[in-house]
Amino acid sequence: MIDQAAAAFLKAGQLHDPLGFECLAEIKLELSRLAATPDKAKVLRTEAYEAIKQGCALGWVQSFWKLNKFISGEEYETVLRKYGPAPDDFIEALEFFLEENTKTELLH
């Protein structure tokens, strides 16, 4: 039954519903906490992280907020460069857009 729910959330995400990826990530993260082995927990956390990244690709704010559960430092910055800042941060989004499209750095 959990596998069916995960498949349904994945399908919803693939149909561009970011809530599907958020729910998929939550299921995988919770299952990782209950996993019988560390290896299975790692696989489930990796699947949750992939769902979070897909949510970021769709611009889902909650996915951006959850990134820090999985990564930090340089890897976090790399992901933000790839997907841009969280959509609720207009100033940061505008700066990102201008930097990417003009290839100049804005002064703060």
Foldseek 3Di string as FASTA:
>chain_A
DLVVLLVVLVVCLVVLDLVSLVVNLVSLQVVLVVDPDVVSSVVSNVSSLVSLLSSLQSLNQVSLVCNVVPDDDPVNVVSCLVSPHRPVPVVRRVQSVCCVVVVDHDDD
